[in-house]
Amino acid sequence: MPDQTLSQGSPPSRRLGGVELTPKSKIRDVLNHLGDKGREVLLKHGYDIGEGFVDVLSQYQTLQHAAETERLRDLDGLLEYVNSNQ
């Protein structure tokens, strides 16, 4: 599998099976990467996606923007967790 980023323009970060999550990655990328556990992990970091992920625009919000607007806590901790769990 060739190296790829989940979000274009993301600077190199930790690699995981050719896929990396960075502050430029989207909320949706975390969910896609972690599957069912993604909701729980995001909630632990303060980001409540709600039922059915109704707010479609939030799916495409970057992790960095979510942290800057205080919807997400401990961005570095989240990235470390996601990138260390396959």
C-alpha atoms as a PDB file:
ATOM      1  CA  MET A   1       0.000   0.000   0.000  1.00  0.00           C
ATOM      2  CA  PRO A   2       1.535   3.362  -0.932  1.00  0.00           C
ATOM      3  CA  ASP A   3       1.892   6.050   1.702  1.00  0.00           C
ATOM      4  CA  GLN A   4      -1.064   8.401   1.760  1.00  0.00           C
ATOM      5  CA  THR A   5      -2.479  11.035   4.031  1.00  0.00           C
ATOM      6  CA  LEU A   6      -6.081  11.202   5.058  1.00  0.00           C
ATOM      7  CA  SER A   7      -6.279  14.907   4.399  1.00  0.00           C
ATOM      8  CA  GLN A   8      -4.335  16.576   1.624  1.00  0.00           C
ATOM      9  CA  GLY A   9      -1.665  18.992   2.682  1.00  0.00           C
ATOM     10  CA  SER A  10      -1.086  17.346   6.038  1.00  0.00           C
ATOM     11  CA  PRO A  11       2.494  17.579   7.234  1.00  0.00           C
ATOM     12  CA  PRO A  12       4.274  14.305   7.959  1.00  0.00           C
ATOM     13  CA  SER A  13       3.433  12.847  11.340  1.00  0.00           C
ATOM     14  CA  ARG A  14       3.480   9.367  12.796  1.00  0.00           C
ATOM     15  CA  ARG A  15       2.793   6.740  10.172  1.00  0.00           C
ATOM     16  CA  LEU A  16       0.284   3.938  10.637  1.00  0.00           C
ATOM     17  CA  GLY A  17      -0.027   1.443   7.828  1.00  0.00           C
ATOM     18  CA  GLY A  18       0.734   4.170   5.308  1.00  0.00           C
ATOM     19  CA  VAL A  19      -1.942   6.460   6.774  1.00  0.00           C
ATOM     20  CA  GLU A  20      -1.225   9.310   9.158  1.00  0.00           C
ATOM     21  CA  LEU A  21      -3.440  11.566  11.219  1.00  0.00           C
ATOM     22  CA  THR A  22      -2.308  15.129  11.837  1.00  0.00           C
ATOM     23  CA  PRO A  23      -3.935  18.328  13.107  1.00  0.00           C
ATOM     24  CA  LYS A  24      -5.124  18.869   9.515  1.00  0.00           C
ATOM     25  CA  SER A  25      -7.000  15.545   9.514  1.00  0.00           C
ATOM     26  CA  LYS A  26     -10.767  15.660   9.765  1.00  0.00           C
ATOM     27  CA  ILE A  27     -13.063  14.459  12.561  1.00  0.00           C
ATOM     28  CA  ARG A  28     -14.362  11.946  10.023  1.00  0.00           C
ATOM     29  CA  ASP A  29     -10.824  10.553   9.601  1.00  0.00           C
ATOM     30  CA  VAL A  30     -10.706   9.643  13.301  1.00  0.00           C
ATOM     31  CA  LEU A  31     -14.043   7.857  13.004  1.00  0.00           C
ATOM     32  CA  ASN A  32     -12.967   6.015   9.861  1.00  0.00           C
ATOM     33  CA  HIS A  33      -9.654   5.055  11.425  1.00  0.00           C
ATOM     34  CA  LEU A  34     -10.968   3.800  14.782  1.00  0.00           C
ATOM     35  CA  GLY A  35     -14.371   2.504  13.721  1.00  0.00           C
ATOM     36  CA  ASP A  36     -16.903   2.165  16.546  1.00  0.00           C
ATOM     37  CA  LYS A  37     -14.314   3.178  19.148  1.00  0.00           C
ATOM     38  CA  GLY A  38     -13.854   6.555  17.413  1.00  0.00           C
ATOM     39  CA  ARG A  39     -16.990   8.032  18.998  1.00  0.00           C
ATOM     40  CA  GLU A  40     -15.807   7.060  22.482  1.00  0.00           C
ATOM     41  CA  VAL A  41     -12.294   8.417  21.921  1.00  0.00           C
ATOM     42  CA  LEU A  42     -13.567  11.733  20.536  1.00  0.00           C
ATOM     43  CA  LEU A  43     -15.991  12.089  23.456  1.00  0.00           C
ATOM     44  CA  LYS A  44     -13.144  11.436  25.910  1.00  0.00           C
ATOM     45  CA  HIS A  45     -11.399  14.396  24.291  1.00  0.00           C
ATOM     46  CA  GLY A  46     -14.496  16.589  24.579  1.00  0.00           C
ATOM     47  CA  TYR A  47     -15.891  16.219  21.058  1.00  0.00           C
ATOM     48  CA  ASP A  48     -19.506  14.976  21.053  1.00  0.00           C
ATOM     49  CA  ILE A  49     -20.540  13.958  17.558  1.00  0.00           C
ATOM     50  CA  GLY A  50     -24.089  13.145  18.658  1.00  0.00           C
ATOM     51  CA  GLU A  51     -26.327  10.426  17.300  1.00  0.00           C
ATOM     52  CA  GLY A  52     -26.084   9.710  13.605  1.00  0.00           C
ATOM     53  CA  PHE A  53     -23.489  12.444  13.152  1.00  0.00           C
ATOM     54  CA  VAL A  54     -26.277  14.763  12.017  1.00  0.00           C
ATOM     55  CA  ASP A  55     -24.068  17.835  11.735  1.00  0.00           C
ATOM     56  CA  VAL A  56     -22.568  16.964   8.350  1.00  0.00           C
ATOM     57  CA  LEU A  57     -20.239  19.962   8.316  1.00  0.00           C
ATOM     58  CA  SER A  58     -18.622  18.832  11.580  1.00  0.00           C
ATOM     59  CA  GLN A  59     -17.488  15.642   9.870  1.00  0.00           C
ATOM     60  CA  TYR A  60     -15.171  17.745   7.742  1.00  0.00           C
ATOM     61  CA  GLN A  61     -13.920  20.036  10.514  1.00  0.00           C
ATOM     62  CA  THR A  62     -10.177  19.670  11.029  1.00  0.00           C
ATOM     63  CA  LEU A  63      -8.931  18.426  14.365  1.00  0.00           C
ATOM     64  CA  GLN A  64      -6.916  21.626  14.684  1.00  0.00           C
ATOM     65  CA  HIS A  65      -9.977  23.837  14.152  1.00  0.00           C
ATOM     66  CA  ALA A  66     -11.985  21.785  16.630  1.00  0.00           C
ATOM     67  CA  ALA A  67      -9.214  22.295  19.200  1.00  0.00           C
ATOM     68  CA  GLU A  68      -8.944  26.020  18.457  1.00  0.00           C
ATOM     69  CA  THR A  69     -12.703  26.457  18.952  1.00  0.00           C
ATOM     70  CA  GLU A  70     -12.535  24.436  22.182  1.00  0.00           C
ATOM     71  CA  ARG A  71     -14.697  21.599  20.859  1.00  0.00           C
ATOM     72  CA  LEU A  72     -11.755  19.216  21.258  1.00  0.00           C
ATOM     73  CA  ARG A  73      -9.358  18.890  24.191  1.00  0.00           C
ATOM     74  CA  ASP A  74      -5.780  17.562  24.168  1.00  0.00           C
ATOM     75  CA  LEU A  75      -5.233  17.367  20.419  1.00  0.00           C
ATOM     76  CA  ASP A  76      -1.718  15.988  20.876  1.00  0.00           C
ATOM     77  CA  GLY A  77      -3.021  13.228  23.151  1.00  0.00           C
ATOM     78  CA  LEU A  78      -5.742  12.330  20.666  1.00  0.00           C
ATOM     79  CA  LEU A  79      -3.278  12.127  17.771  1.00  0.00           C
ATOM     80  CA  GLU A  80      -0.874  10.055  19.832  1.00  0.00           C
ATOM     81  CA  TYR A  81      -3.650   7.617  20.755  1.00  0.00           C
ATOM     82  CA  VAL A  82      -5.083   7.319  17.259  1.00  0.00           C
ATOM     83  CA  ASN A  83      -1.703   6.953  15.577  1.00  0.00           C
ATOM     84  CA  SER A  84      -0.566   4.290  18.070  1.00  0.00           C
ATOM     85  CA  ASN A  85      -3.703   2.126  17.717  1.00  0.00           C
ATOM     86  CA  GLN A  86      -4.235   0.119  14.601  1.00  0.00           C
END
